[in-house]
Amino acid sequence: MPNVGGLTDREAAIDAVIRFVCSLDEGDEELCASSLTEDAIMDLTPFQKLGWASQAVAGRAAVVDILMKRVGRPLDTTHSATNIRCTVNGDTAELTSSVLAQHFRAGEGPSPKHQDYYLFGNKYQADLVRESELWRMKKLTISPAWVQGNPEVMNV
């Protein structure tokens, strides 16, 4: 089955993660939704090691809603996905990536006047499936590897 834009299966699976992180930087609900299955699960329980009351969020609508309320709209962010490893097996794929995520309060980043930020080095683990011409994440676990800066920036 062909993928959007003539991408290989591996490239198209990776594109789901790229759509996801770009949606956070752009505050784009539709782009975020395009990266997830309808029954997607985003597991944030690893953030409990930072003292956050984090849990798994089930369902595309719930995931998109929480991300847009907590990150995509109220914060100025940049997310960069690197060290991507992706294995495709038919219509499923497994992917791991390192994601650097820098967060500023709305209207404050990037600016030499505003140096109050919160920077994450996260690990993504994703299970993906092909849905027609798009690959989407069925399960995404995000684990913080390290943090730097002011955690209060995340309180929106």
C-alpha atoms as a PDB file:
ATOM      1  CA  MET A   1       0.000   0.000   0.000  1.00  0.00           C
ATOM      2  CA  PRO A   2       1.439   3.411  -0.911  1.00  0.00           C
ATOM      3  CA  ASN A   3       2.295   6.007   1.710  1.00  0.00           C
ATOM      4  CA  VAL A   4       1.532   9.715   1.500  1.00  0.00           C
ATOM      5  CA  GLY A   5       4.209  11.506  -0.513  1.00  0.00           C
ATOM      6  CA  GLY A   6       5.719   8.286  -1.853  1.00  0.00           C
ATOM      7  CA  LEU A   7       7.667   7.670   1.362  1.00  0.00           C
ATOM      8  CA  THR A   8       9.034   4.239   2.207  1.00  0.00           C
ATOM      9  CA  ASP A   9       7.304   2.447   5.072  1.00  0.00           C
ATOM     10  CA  ARG A  10      10.189   3.307   7.409  1.00  0.00           C
ATOM     11  CA  GLU A  11      10.163   6.985   6.385  1.00  0.00           C
ATOM     12  CA  ALA A  12       6.379   7.155   6.741  1.00  0.00           C
ATOM     13  CA  ALA A  13       6.497   5.610  10.233  1.00  0.00           C
ATOM     14  CA  ILE A  14       9.181   8.101  11.280  1.00  0.00           C
ATOM     15  CA  ASP A  15       7.034  10.895   9.840  1.00  0.00           C
ATOM     16  CA  ALA A  16       4.359  10.124  12.458  1.00  0.00           C
ATOM     17  CA  VAL A  17       6.787  11.119  15.226  1.00  0.00           C
ATOM     18  CA  ILE A  18       7.912  14.175  13.272  1.00  0.00           C
ATOM     19  CA  ARG A  19       4.270  15.260  12.818  1.00  0.00           C
ATOM     20  CA  PHE A  20       3.755  14.767  16.554  1.00  0.00           C
ATOM     21  CA  VAL A  21       6.673  16.942  17.712  1.00  0.00           C
ATOM     22  CA  CYS A  22       5.991  19.613  15.054  1.00  0.00           C
ATOM     23  CA  SER A  23       2.375  19.801  16.219  1.00  0.00           C
ATOM     24  CA  LEU A  24       3.573  20.721  19.708  1.00  0.00           C
ATOM     25  CA  ASP A  25       5.749  23.559  18.417  1.00  0.00           C
ATOM     26  CA  GLU A  26       3.012  24.847  16.128  1.00  0.00           C
ATOM     27  CA  GLY A  27       0.069  24.300  18.494  1.00  0.00           C
ATOM     28  CA  ASP A  28      -1.565  22.378  15.650  1.00  0.00           C
ATOM     29  CA  GLU A  29      -4.348  20.111  16.868  1.00  0.00           C
ATOM     30  CA  GLU A  30      -5.024  18.600  13.426  1.00  0.00           C
ATOM     31  CA  LEU A  31      -1.376  17.731  12.847  1.00  0.00           C
ATOM     32  CA  CYS A  32      -1.164  16.154  16.297  1.00  0.00           C
ATOM     33  CA  ALA A  33      -4.296  14.083  15.621  1.00  0.00           C
ATOM     34  CA  SER A  34      -2.825  12.894  12.312  1.00  0.00           C
ATOM     35  CA  SER A  35       0.061  11.265  14.197  1.00  0.00           C
ATOM     36  CA  LEU A  36      -2.143   9.128  16.478  1.00  0.00           C
ATOM     37  CA  THR A  37      -4.601   6.269  16.112  1.00  0.00           C
ATOM     38  CA  GLU A  38      -8.109   6.864  17.420  1.00  0.00           C
ATOM     39  CA  ASP A  39      -7.392   4.524  20.366  1.00  0.00           C
ATOM     40  CA  ALA A  40      -3.857   5.834  20.966  1.00  0.00           C
ATOM     41  CA  ILE A  41      -2.266   5.642  24.401  1.00  0.00           C
ATOM     42  CA  MET A  42       0.314   8.175  25.554  1.00  0.00           C
ATOM     43  CA  ASP A  43       2.085   6.853  28.637  1.00  0.00           C
ATOM     44  CA  LEU A  44       3.536   9.624  30.775  1.00  0.00           C
ATOM     45  CA  THR A  45       3.963   7.564  33.957  1.00  0.00           C
ATOM     46  CA  PRO A  46       7.788   7.791  33.688  1.00  0.00           C
ATOM     47  CA  PHE A  47       7.448  11.482  34.638  1.00  0.00           C
ATOM     48  CA  GLN A  48       6.528  10.352  38.148  1.00  0.00           C
ATOM     49  CA  LYS A  49      10.270  10.187  38.831  1.00  0.00           C
ATOM     50  CA  LEU A  50      10.203  14.012  38.562  1.00  0.00           C
ATOM     51  CA  GLY A  51       7.474  14.134  41.174  1.00  0.00           C
ATOM     52  CA  TRP A  52       4.716  14.764  38.635  1.00  0.00           C
ATOM     53  CA  ALA A  53       1.304  13.114  38.975  1.00  0.00           C
ATOM     54  CA  SER A  54       1.594  11.626  35.498  1.00  0.00           C
ATOM     55  CA  GLN A  55      -0.397   8.798  34.015  1.00  0.00           C
ATOM     56  CA  ALA A  56      -1.332   7.162  30.746  1.00  0.00           C
ATOM     57  CA  VAL A  57      -3.798   9.074  28.592  1.00  0.00           C
ATOM     58  CA  ALA A  58      -6.097   7.002  26.359  1.00  0.00           C
ATOM     59  CA  GLY A  59      -7.750   8.034  23.116  1.00  0.00           C
ATOM     60  CA  ARG A  60      -6.626  10.402  20.376  1.00  0.00           C
ATOM     61  CA  ALA A  61      -9.041  13.176  21.399  1.00  0.00           C
ATOM     62  CA  ALA A  62      -7.873  13.071  25.036  1.00  0.00           C
ATOM     63  CA  VAL A  63      -4.170  13.006  24.074  1.00  0.00           C
ATOM     64  CA  VAL A  64      -4.534  15.923  21.661  1.00  0.00           C
ATOM     65  CA  ASP A  65      -6.592  17.889  24.187  1.00  0.00           C
ATOM     66  CA  ILE A  66      -4.089  17.521  27.021  1.00  0.00           C
ATOM     67  CA  LEU A  67      -1.089  18.263  24.786  1.00  0.00           C
ATOM     68  CA  MET A  68      -2.628  21.393  23.317  1.00  0.00           C
ATOM     69  CA  LYS A  69      -3.724  22.667  26.756  1.00  0.00           C
ATOM     70  CA  ARG A  70      -0.397  21.936  28.480  1.00  0.00           C
ATOM     71  CA  VAL A  71       2.241  22.435  25.772  1.00  0.00           C
ATOM     72  CA  GLY A  72       1.122  23.260  22.222  1.00  0.00           C
ATOM     73  CA  ARG A  73      -0.798  26.454  22.857  1.00  0.00           C
ATOM     74  CA  PRO A  74       0.328  27.967  26.165  1.00  0.00           C
ATOM     75  CA  LEU A  75       4.099  27.559  25.702  1.00  0.00           C
ATOM     76  CA  ASP A  76       6.758  28.568  23.191  1.00  0.00           C
ATOM     77  CA  THR A  77       8.559  25.320  22.424  1.00  0.00           C
ATOM     78  CA  THR A  78      11.045  23.618  20.194  1.00  0.00           C
ATOM     79  CA  HIS A  79      11.126  19.826  19.948  1.00  0.00           C
ATOM     80  CA  SER A  80      13.849  18.007  18.032  1.00  0.00           C
ATOM     81  CA  ALA A  81      13.696  14.261  17.407  1.00  0.00           C
ATOM     82  CA  THR A  82      17.081  12.595  16.869  1.00  0.00           C
ATOM     83  CA  ASN A  83      18.723   9.162  17.091  1.00  0.00           C
ATOM     84  CA  ILE A  84      15.640   7.642  15.498  1.00  0.00           C
ATOM     85  CA  ARG A  85      15.621   3.867  15.177  1.00  0.00           C
ATOM     86  CA  CYS A  86      12.671   2.315  13.405  1.00  0.00           C
ATOM     87  CA  THR A  87      11.883  -1.301  12.552  1.00  0.00           C
ATOM     88  CA  VAL A  88       8.962  -2.010  10.218  1.00  0.00           C
ATOM     89  CA  ASN A  89       7.232  -5.398  10.146  1.00  0.00           C
ATOM     90  CA  GLY A  90       4.418  -5.360   7.600  1.00  0.00           C
ATOM     91  CA  ASP A  91       1.793  -2.875   8.760  1.00  0.00           C
ATOM     92  CA  THR A  92       3.354  -2.310  12.204  1.00  0.00           C
ATOM     93  CA  ALA A  93       6.531  -0.621  13.356  1.00  0.00           C
ATOM     94  CA  GLU A  94       8.523   0.009  16.522  1.00  0.00           C
ATOM     95  CA  LEU A  95      10.428   3.244  16.977  1.00  0.00           C
ATOM     96  CA  THR A  96      12.726   4.786  19.554  1.00  0.00           C
ATOM     97  CA  SER A  97      14.020   8.339  19.544  1.00  0.00           C
ATOM     98  CA  SER A  98      15.694  10.945  21.679  1.00  0.00           C
ATOM     99  CA  VAL A  99      13.692  14.175  21.814  1.00  0.00           C
ATOM    100  CA  LEU A 100      15.100  17.457  23.024  1.00  0.00           C
ATOM    101  CA  ALA A 101      12.217  19.652  24.202  1.00  0.00           C
ATOM    102  CA  GLN A 102      12.763  23.269  25.236  1.00  0.00           C
ATOM    103  CA  HIS A 103       9.884  25.164  26.824  1.00  0.00           C
ATOM    104  CA  PHE A 104       9.407  28.889  27.434  1.00  0.00           C
ATOM    105  CA  ARG A 105       6.356  30.733  28.727  1.00  0.00           C
ATOM    106  CA  ALA A 106       4.162  32.089  25.920  1.00  0.00           C
ATOM    107  CA  GLY A 107       5.743  35.086  24.245  1.00  0.00           C
ATOM    108  CA  GLU A 108       9.081  34.635  26.017  1.00  0.00           C
ATOM    109  CA  GLY A 109      11.001  32.298  23.787  1.00  0.00           C
ATOM    110  CA  PRO A 110      13.379  32.546  22.258  1.00  0.00           C
ATOM    111  CA  SER A 111      14.566  35.855  23.577  1.00  0.00           C
ATOM    112  CA  PRO A 112      17.800  37.022  25.186  1.00  0.00           C
ATOM    113  CA  LYS A 113      15.602  38.973  27.646  1.00  0.00           C
ATOM    114  CA  HIS A 114      13.816  35.853  28.881  1.00  0.00           C
ATOM    115  CA  GLN A 115      16.099  33.079  30.046  1.00  0.00           C
ATOM    116  CA  ASP A 116      13.530  31.270  32.168  1.00  0.00           C
ATOM    117  CA  TYR A 117      13.053  27.901  30.465  1.00  0.00           C
ATOM    118  CA  TYR A 118      12.648  24.177  31.091  1.00  0.00           C
ATOM    119  CA  LEU A 119      14.600  21.778  28.931  1.00  0.00           C
ATOM    120  CA  PHE A 120      13.941  18.045  28.688  1.00  0.00           C
ATOM    121  CA  GLY A 121      16.013  15.266  27.206  1.00  0.00           C
ATOM    122  CA  ASN A 122      13.291  12.663  26.596  1.00  0.00           C
ATOM    123  CA  LYS A 123      13.221   9.125  25.277  1.00  0.00           C
ATOM    124  CA  TYR A 124      10.306   8.169  23.049  1.00  0.00           C
ATOM    125  CA  GLN A 125       9.205   4.567  22.557  1.00  0.00           C
ATOM    126  CA  ALA A 126       6.437   4.190  19.980  1.00  0.00           C
ATOM    127  CA  ASP A 127       4.385   1.381  18.511  1.00  0.00           C
ATOM    128  CA  LEU A 128       2.982   2.391  15.141  1.00  0.00           C
ATOM    129  CA  VAL A 129       0.467   1.032  12.672  1.00  0.00           C
ATOM    130  CA  ARG A 130      -0.335   1.783   9.076  1.00  0.00           C
ATOM    131  CA  GLU A 131      -3.797   3.288   8.602  1.00  0.00           C
ATOM    132  CA  SER A 132      -4.478   3.675   4.895  1.00  0.00           C
ATOM    133  CA  GLU A 133      -1.789   6.053   3.544  1.00  0.00           C
ATOM    134  CA  LEU A 134      -0.607   7.289   6.955  1.00  0.00           C
ATOM    135  CA  TRP A 135       1.367   5.691   9.749  1.00  0.00           C
ATOM    136  CA  ARG A 136       0.150   6.588  13.222  1.00  0.00           C
ATOM    137  CA  MET A 137       1.304   5.968  16.763  1.00  0.00           C
ATOM    138  CA  LYS A 138      -0.826   3.468  18.659  1.00  0.00           C
ATOM    139  CA  LYS A 139       1.213   3.743  21.849  1.00  0.00           C
ATOM    140  CA  LEU A 140       3.775   6.359  22.817  1.00  0.00           C
ATOM    141  CA  THR A 141       5.754   6.217  26.037  1.00  0.00           C
ATOM    142  CA  ILE A 142       7.665   9.378  26.884  1.00  0.00           C
ATOM    143  CA  SER A 143      10.386   9.084  29.533  1.00  0.00           C
ATOM    144  CA  PRO A 144      12.493  11.972  30.808  1.00  0.00           C
ATOM    145  CA  ALA A 145      16.200  11.129  30.690  1.00  0.00           C
ATOM    146  CA  TRP A 146      17.245  14.478  32.181  1.00  0.00           C
ATOM    147  CA  VAL A 147      15.909  17.982  32.800  1.00  0.00           C
ATOM    148  CA  GLN A 148      17.420  21.426  33.165  1.00  0.00           C
ATOM    149  CA  GLY A 149      15.978  24.792  34.090  1.00  0.00           C
ATOM    150  CA  ASN A 150      12.915  26.018  35.928  1.00  0.00           C
ATOM    151  CA  PRO A 151      10.087  23.448  36.236  1.00  0.00           C
ATOM    152  CA  GLU A 152       7.658  26.286  37.072  1.00  0.00           C
ATOM    153  CA  VAL A 153       7.661  27.170  33.351  1.00  0.00           C
ATOM    154  CA  MET A 154       5.488  24.075  32.817  1.00  0.00           C
ATOM    155  CA  ASN A 155       2.765  25.304  35.200  1.00  0.00           C
ATOM    156  CA  VAL A 156       0.179  26.700  32.811  1.00  0.00           C
END
